[in-house]
Amino acid sequence: MRTSFVIAIAASLLAGQAFAQNTAPSTPPTDLQAPATAPHDAHQVPQAAEGPSNPAVRTEEGNNASRPVAGANSFTEGEAKSRIEARGFANVSELKKDEQGIWRGKAQQNGRSVDVALDFQGNVFAEPS
């Protein structure tokens, strides 16, 4: 009987320790947080950004470059056509992805034929054909 009691006590103590090891603190320790006004130290790790600071796909209007940016392009032909049309082009045709990952084709803009390009960031460019 006494042995069972000792084993039960030991088991409950071990279970409590295991539980405590898996429980995360509700707030991080304050000694690891850098003050908001701390001077920049080359060895200090910067805090993570709230979101991506250089998104692969731009969602707002306009381009972030003056010419198409080469890179691995994950747009399908249909997605490329839709993005180009959303920027005001009509009759988008002959879309082909080149060796730089840029979709290139033909389209109409304000009644004139233009060559169009879509890069991996979603930038759309037009040049008279």
N, C-alpha and C. Protein backbone atom coordinates (compact mmCIF):
# COMPACT_ATOMS: atom_id res chain seq x y z
N MET A 1 0.83 -1.19 0.00
CA MET A 1 0.00 0.00 0.00
C MET A 1 0.86 1.24 0.00
N ARG A 2 1.89 1.20 0.87
CA ARG A 2 2.76 2.38 0.97
C ARG A 2 3.51 2.61 -0.34
N THR A 3 3.94 1.56 -1.02
CA THR A 3 4.65 1.68 -2.30
C THR A 3 3.75 2.33 -3.34
N SER A 4 2.49 1.94 -3.39
CA SER A 4 1.54 2.54 -4.34
C SER A 4 1.38 4.03 -4.07
N PHE A 5 1.34 4.40 -2.81
CA PHE A 5 1.19 5.80 -2.44
C PHE A 5 2.40 6.62 -2.89
N VAL A 6 3.60 6.10 -2.70
CA VAL A 6 4.84 6.78 -3.09
C VAL A 6 4.90 6.91 -4.61
N ILE A 7 4.51 5.87 -5.34
CA ILE A 7 4.51 5.92 -6.80
C ILE A 7 3.50 6.95 -7.29
N ALA A 8 2.33 7.01 -6.68
CA ALA A 8 1.32 7.98 -7.08
C ALA A 8 1.82 9.40 -6.85
N ILE A 9 2.48 9.67 -5.73
CA ILE A 9 3.02 11.00 -5.44
C ILE A 9 4.10 11.36 -6.46
N ALA A 10 5.01 10.44 -6.73
CA ALA A 10 6.10 10.68 -7.70
C ALA A 10 5.53 10.95 -9.09
N ALA A 11 4.53 10.19 -9.49
CA ALA A 11 3.92 10.37 -10.81
C ALA A 11 3.26 11.74 -10.93
N SER A 12 2.57 12.17 -9.89
CA SER A 12 1.91 13.48 -9.94
C SER A 12 2.92 14.61 -9.98
N LEU A 13 4.04 14.46 -9.26
CA LEU A 13 5.08 15.49 -9.30
C LEU A 13 5.72 15.57 -10.68
N LEU A 14 6.00 14.43 -11.27
CA LEU A 14 6.59 14.41 -12.61
C LEU A 14 5.63 14.97 -13.65
N ALA A 15 4.36 14.66 -13.54
CA ALA A 15 3.36 15.18 -14.46
C ALA A 15 3.28 16.69 -14.35
N GLY A 16 3.36 17.21 -13.14
CA GLY A 16 3.32 18.66 -12.94
C GLY A 16 4.52 19.34 -13.57
N GLN A 17 5.71 18.72 -13.46
CA GLN A 17 6.90 19.29 -14.09
C GLN A 17 6.78 19.27 -15.60
N ALA A 18 6.28 18.19 -16.17
CA ALA A 18 6.12 18.11 -17.61
C ALA A 18 5.14 19.16 -18.09
N PHE A 19 4.06 19.36 -17.37
CA PHE A 19 3.10 20.40 -17.75
C PHE A 19 3.73 21.77 -17.70
N ALA A 20 4.50 22.04 -16.68
CA ALA A 20 5.13 23.35 -16.54
C ALA A 20 6.11 23.60 -17.66
N GLN A 21 6.77 22.59 -18.16
CA GLN A 21 7.73 22.78 -19.25
C GLN A 21 7.04 23.11 -20.56
N ASN A 22 5.81 22.68 -20.75
CA ASN A 22 5.10 22.93 -21.99
C ASN A 22 4.23 24.18 -21.96
N THR A 23 4.20 24.86 -20.87
CA THR A 23 3.37 26.04 -20.76
C THR A 23 4.20 27.28 -21.10
N ALA A 24 3.76 28.05 -22.09
CA ALA A 24 4.48 29.26 -22.49
C ALA A 24 4.08 30.41 -21.57
N PRO A 25 5.02 31.31 -21.27
CA PRO A 25 4.66 32.47 -20.46
C PRO A 25 3.69 33.37 -21.22
N SER A 26 2.82 34.06 -20.50
CA SER A 26 1.83 34.90 -21.17
C SER A 26 2.45 36.16 -21.75
N THR A 27 3.55 36.63 -21.19
CA THR A 27 4.27 37.77 -21.74
C THR A 27 5.74 37.44 -21.79
N PRO A 28 6.45 37.93 -22.81
CA PRO A 28 7.87 37.63 -22.90
C PRO A 28 8.63 38.34 -21.79
N PRO A 29 9.76 37.80 -21.38
CA PRO A 29 10.56 38.46 -20.34
C PRO A 29 11.00 39.84 -20.81
N THR A 30 10.91 40.81 -19.92
CA THR A 30 11.25 42.18 -20.30
C THR A 30 12.73 42.40 -20.46
N ASP A 31 13.58 41.56 -19.87
CA ASP A 31 15.02 41.77 -19.99
C ASP A 31 15.52 41.44 -21.40
N LEU A 32 14.72 40.76 -22.25
CA LEU A 32 15.12 40.46 -23.62
C LEU A 32 14.64 41.52 -24.60
N GLN A 33 13.77 42.40 -24.17
CA GLN A 33 13.24 43.41 -25.07
C GLN A 33 14.16 44.62 -25.09
N ALA A 34 14.43 45.11 -26.29
CA ALA A 34 15.25 46.31 -26.41
C ALA A 34 14.37 47.53 -26.20
N PRO A 35 14.89 48.57 -25.54
CA PRO A 35 14.10 49.79 -25.39
C PRO A 35 13.79 50.40 -26.76
N ALA A 36 12.66 51.06 -26.88
CA ALA A 36 12.23 51.63 -28.15
C ALA A 36 13.20 52.68 -28.67
N THR A 37 13.93 53.33 -27.79
CA THR A 37 14.83 54.40 -28.21
C THR A 37 16.30 53.98 -28.14
N ALA A 38 16.56 52.67 -28.14
CA ALA A 38 17.95 52.20 -28.05
C ALA A 38 18.72 52.59 -29.30
N PRO A 39 19.98 53.01 -29.17
CA PRO A 39 20.77 53.33 -30.35
C PRO A 39 21.02 52.08 -31.17
N HIS A 40 21.25 52.26 -32.47
CA HIS A 40 21.48 51.12 -33.35
C HIS A 40 22.81 50.46 -33.01
N ASP A 41 22.79 49.19 -32.82
CA ASP A 41 23.98 48.41 -32.53
C ASP A 41 24.12 47.38 -33.65
N ALA A 42 25.30 47.28 -34.23
CA ALA A 42 25.51 46.37 -35.35
C ALA A 42 25.22 44.92 -34.97
N HIS A 43 25.32 44.58 -33.70
CA HIS A 43 25.09 43.21 -33.26
C HIS A 43 23.66 42.99 -32.79
N GLN A 44 22.86 44.02 -32.77
CA GLN A 44 21.47 43.92 -32.30
C GLN A 44 20.60 43.40 -33.44
N VAL A 45 19.77 42.44 -33.16
CA VAL A 45 18.88 41.88 -34.17
C VAL A 45 17.65 42.78 -34.28
N PRO A 46 17.31 43.27 -35.50
CA PRO A 46 16.13 44.11 -35.65
C PRO A 46 14.85 43.32 -35.44
N GLN A 47 13.81 44.02 -35.03
CA GLN A 47 12.52 43.36 -34.83
C GLN A 47 11.93 43.00 -36.18
N ALA A 48 11.15 41.94 -36.21
CA ALA A 48 10.52 41.50 -37.45
C ALA A 48 9.47 42.51 -37.89
N ALA A 49 9.32 42.64 -39.20
CA ALA A 49 8.32 43.54 -39.77
C ALA A 49 6.93 42.96 -39.57
N GLU A 50 5.93 43.84 -39.57
CA GLU A 50 4.54 43.41 -39.43
C GLU A 50 4.11 42.58 -40.64
N GLY A 51 4.60 42.90 -41.81
CA GLY A 51 4.24 42.19 -43.03
C GLY A 51 5.40 42.27 -44.00
N PRO A 52 5.23 41.73 -45.20
CA PRO A 52 6.33 41.76 -46.15
C PRO A 52 6.65 43.19 -46.58
N SER A 53 7.94 43.52 -46.65
CA SER A 53 8.32 44.86 -47.05
C SER A 53 8.66 44.93 -48.52
N ASN A 54 8.83 43.80 -49.17
CA ASN A 54 9.11 43.77 -50.59
C ASN A 54 8.31 42.64 -51.22
N PRO A 55 7.01 42.86 -51.39
CA PRO A 55 6.18 41.78 -51.89
C PRO A 55 6.53 41.41 -53.33
N ALA A 56 6.41 40.14 -53.65
CA ALA A 56 6.66 39.69 -55.01
C ALA A 56 5.57 40.20 -55.94
N VAL A 57 4.35 40.30 -55.45
CA VAL A 57 3.23 40.77 -56.25
C VAL A 57 2.68 42.05 -55.66
N ARG A 58 2.69 43.09 -56.46
CA ARG A 58 2.14 44.36 -56.01
C ARG A 58 0.62 44.33 -56.17
N THR A 59 -0.08 44.85 -55.20
CA THR A 59 -1.54 44.85 -55.27
C THR A 59 -2.09 46.24 -55.56
N GLU A 60 -1.29 47.28 -55.38
CA GLU A 60 -1.79 48.62 -55.64
C GLU A 60 -1.50 49.02 -57.09
N GLU A 61 -2.08 50.13 -57.51
CA GLU A 61 -1.91 50.63 -58.86
C GLU A 61 -0.48 51.08 -59.10
N GLY A 62 -0.07 51.09 -60.35
CA GLY A 62 1.23 51.62 -60.70
C GLY A 62 2.33 50.58 -60.63
N ASN A 63 3.48 50.98 -61.16
CA ASN A 63 4.64 50.10 -61.20
C ASN A 63 5.66 50.54 -60.16
N ASN A 64 6.47 49.61 -59.72
CA ASN A 64 7.54 49.94 -58.79
C ASN A 64 8.89 49.93 -59.48
N ALA A 65 8.90 49.88 -60.82
CA ALA A 65 10.12 49.89 -61.60
C ALA A 65 9.85 50.61 -62.91
N SER A 66 10.93 51.05 -63.57
CA SER A 66 10.76 51.78 -64.84
C SER A 66 10.79 50.85 -66.04
N ARG A 67 11.14 49.59 -65.82
CA ARG A 67 11.13 48.58 -66.88
C ARG A 67 10.86 47.23 -66.24
N PRO A 68 10.50 46.22 -67.04
CA PRO A 68 10.20 44.90 -66.46
C PRO A 68 11.38 44.34 -65.69
N VAL A 69 11.09 43.73 -64.54
CA VAL A 69 12.10 43.16 -63.67
C VAL A 69 12.18 41.66 -63.95
N ALA A 70 13.38 41.18 -64.26
CA ALA A 70 13.57 39.76 -64.52
C ALA A 70 13.46 38.98 -63.22
N GLY A 71 12.88 37.80 -63.29
CA GLY A 71 12.76 36.95 -62.12
C GLY A 71 11.82 35.80 -62.38
N ALA A 72 11.82 34.84 -61.47
CA ALA A 72 10.95 33.67 -61.60
C ALA A 72 9.50 34.11 -61.51
N ASN A 73 8.77 33.96 -62.60
CA ASN A 73 7.40 34.44 -62.70
C ASN A 73 6.44 33.28 -62.47
N SER A 74 5.58 33.40 -61.47
CA SER A 74 4.64 32.32 -61.16
C SER A 74 3.25 32.57 -61.73
N PHE A 75 3.05 33.69 -62.46
CA PHE A 75 1.75 33.94 -63.08
C PHE A 75 1.51 32.93 -64.20
N THR A 76 0.30 32.41 -64.26
CA THR A 76 -0.09 31.60 -65.41
C THR A 76 -0.41 32.55 -66.56
N GLU A 77 -0.57 32.01 -67.76
CA GLU A 77 -0.92 32.86 -68.90
C GLU A 77 -2.25 33.57 -68.66
N GLY A 78 -3.21 32.87 -68.10
CA GLY A 78 -4.52 33.48 -67.82
C GLY A 78 -4.43 34.58 -66.78
N GLU A 79 -3.63 34.37 -65.73
CA GLU A 79 -3.44 35.41 -64.70
C GLU A 79 -2.73 36.62 -65.29
N ALA A 80 -1.73 36.38 -66.14
CA ALA A 80 -1.01 37.48 -66.77
C ALA A 80 -1.97 38.31 -67.63
N LYS A 81 -2.78 37.64 -68.42
CA LYS A 81 -3.75 38.34 -69.27
C LYS A 81 -4.73 39.16 -68.43
N SER A 82 -5.23 38.58 -67.36
CA SER A 82 -6.17 39.29 -66.48
C SER A 82 -5.55 40.53 -65.85
N ARG A 83 -4.29 40.42 -65.40
CA ARG A 83 -3.62 41.57 -64.78
C ARG A 83 -3.39 42.67 -65.80
N ILE A 84 -3.02 42.31 -67.02
CA ILE A 84 -2.80 43.31 -68.07
C ILE A 84 -4.12 43.99 -68.41
N GLU A 85 -5.19 43.22 -68.54
CA GLU A 85 -6.51 43.79 -68.83
C GLU A 85 -6.98 44.70 -67.69
N ALA A 86 -6.68 44.33 -66.46
CA ALA A 86 -7.08 45.14 -65.31
C ALA A 86 -6.39 46.51 -65.32
N ARG A 87 -5.28 46.63 -66.01
CA ARG A 87 -4.56 47.90 -66.11
C ARG A 87 -5.00 48.72 -67.32
N GLY A 88 -6.12 48.32 -67.97
CA GLY A 88 -6.72 49.14 -69.02
C GLY A 88 -6.41 48.72 -70.44
N PHE A 89 -5.84 47.55 -70.64
CA PHE A 89 -5.53 47.08 -71.98
C PHE A 89 -6.62 46.13 -72.46
N ALA A 90 -6.85 46.13 -73.79
CA ALA A 90 -7.87 45.26 -74.38
C ALA A 90 -7.21 44.37 -75.43
N ASN A 91 -7.93 43.33 -75.83
CA ASN A 91 -7.47 42.41 -76.87
C ASN A 91 -6.05 41.91 -76.63
N VAL A 92 -5.78 41.49 -75.41
CA VAL A 92 -4.45 40.97 -75.07
C VAL A 92 -4.28 39.63 -75.78
N SER A 93 -3.16 39.50 -76.51
CA SER A 93 -2.93 38.28 -77.28
C SER A 93 -1.44 37.98 -77.37
N GLU A 94 -1.14 36.80 -77.92
CA GLU A 94 0.23 36.36 -78.18
C GLU A 94 1.13 36.40 -76.94
N LEU A 95 0.56 36.13 -75.76
CA LEU A 95 1.37 36.15 -74.54
C LEU A 95 2.32 34.96 -74.49
N LYS A 96 3.57 35.24 -74.27
CA LYS A 96 4.60 34.22 -74.12
C LYS A 96 5.56 34.67 -73.04
N LYS A 97 5.99 33.73 -72.20
CA LYS A 97 6.96 34.05 -71.15
C LYS A 97 8.36 33.91 -71.75
N ASP A 98 9.18 34.97 -71.61
CA ASP A 98 10.54 34.92 -72.17
C ASP A 98 11.53 34.29 -71.20
N GLU A 99 12.79 34.22 -71.59
CA GLU A 99 13.82 33.56 -70.78
C GLU A 99 14.10 34.30 -69.47
N GLN A 100 13.66 35.55 -69.34
CA GLN A 100 13.83 36.31 -68.09
C GLN A 100 12.63 36.19 -67.17
N GLY A 101 11.62 35.41 -67.58
CA GLY A 101 10.43 35.24 -66.76
C GLY A 101 9.40 36.35 -66.94
N ILE A 102 9.50 37.10 -68.03
CA ILE A 102 8.60 38.23 -68.30
C ILE A 102 7.58 37.81 -69.36
N TRP A 103 6.31 38.00 -69.02
CA TRP A 103 5.25 37.74 -70.00
C TRP A 103 5.23 38.89 -70.99
N ARG A 104 5.29 38.59 -72.29
CA ARG A 104 5.26 39.61 -73.35
C ARG A 104 4.18 39.24 -74.36
N GLY A 105 3.52 40.28 -74.88
CA GLY A 105 2.47 40.04 -75.86
C GLY A 105 2.03 41.32 -76.53
N LYS A 106 0.87 41.26 -77.16
CA LYS A 106 0.28 42.39 -77.88
C LYS A 106 -1.03 42.76 -77.20
N ALA A 107 -1.41 44.06 -77.35
CA ALA A 107 -2.68 44.52 -76.78
C ALA A 107 -3.08 45.82 -77.46
N GLN A 108 -4.27 46.28 -77.10
CA GLN A 108 -4.79 47.57 -77.57
C GLN A 108 -4.93 48.50 -76.37
N GLN A 109 -4.50 49.75 -76.55
CA GLN A 109 -4.66 50.76 -75.51
C GLN A 109 -5.05 52.07 -76.19
N ASN A 110 -6.21 52.59 -75.82
CA ASN A 110 -6.73 53.82 -76.41
C ASN A 110 -6.75 53.75 -77.92
N GLY A 111 -7.15 52.60 -78.46
CA GLY A 111 -7.30 52.43 -79.90
C GLY A 111 -6.00 52.20 -80.66
N ARG A 112 -4.89 52.06 -79.99
CA ARG A 112 -3.63 51.82 -80.70
C ARG A 112 -3.02 50.50 -80.24
N SER A 113 -2.26 49.88 -81.14
CA SER A 113 -1.60 48.62 -80.82
C SER A 113 -0.33 48.90 -80.03
N VAL A 114 -0.12 48.10 -78.98
CA VAL A 114 1.07 48.24 -78.16
C VAL A 114 1.62 46.86 -77.83
N ASP A 115 2.92 46.81 -77.57
CA ASP A 115 3.53 45.62 -77.00
C ASP A 115 3.41 45.76 -75.49
N VAL A 116 3.04 44.69 -74.81
CA VAL A 116 2.89 44.73 -73.36
C VAL A 116 3.83 43.73 -72.70
N ALA A 117 4.17 44.01 -71.45
CA ALA A 117 5.02 43.12 -70.67
C ALA A 117 4.53 43.12 -69.23
N LEU A 118 4.59 41.95 -68.60
CA LEU A 118 4.22 41.78 -67.20
C LEU A 118 5.35 41.04 -66.51
N ASP A 119 5.93 41.66 -65.47
CA ASP A 119 7.02 40.99 -64.76
C ASP A 119 6.49 40.22 -63.55
N PHE A 120 7.38 39.55 -62.83
CA PHE A 120 6.98 38.69 -61.72
C PHE A 120 6.40 39.48 -60.55
N GLN A 121 6.64 40.79 -60.48
CA GLN A 121 6.09 41.62 -59.41
C GLN A 121 4.71 42.16 -59.74
N GLY A 122 4.23 41.91 -60.95
CA GLY A 122 2.91 42.41 -61.35
C GLY A 122 2.97 43.74 -62.07
N ASN A 123 4.17 44.27 -62.33
CA ASN A 123 4.31 45.51 -63.07
C ASN A 123 3.91 45.29 -64.53
N VAL A 124 3.13 46.23 -65.10
CA VAL A 124 2.70 46.14 -66.50
C VAL A 124 3.30 47.31 -67.25
N PHE A 125 3.88 47.00 -68.42
CA PHE A 125 4.54 48.02 -69.24
C PHE A 125 3.99 47.94 -70.66
N ALA A 126 3.95 49.09 -71.34
CA ALA A 126 3.50 49.13 -72.73
C ALA A 126 4.47 49.97 -73.55
N GLU A 127 4.69 49.50 -74.80
CA GLU A 127 5.51 50.23 -75.76
C GLU A 127 4.78 50.20 -77.09
N PRO A 128 4.83 51.28 -77.86
CA PRO A 128 4.17 51.24 -79.17
C PRO A 128 4.74 50.11 -80.03
N SER A 129 3.86 49.41 -80.75
CA SER A 129 4.38 48.32 -81.59
C SER A 129 4.72 48.79 -82.97
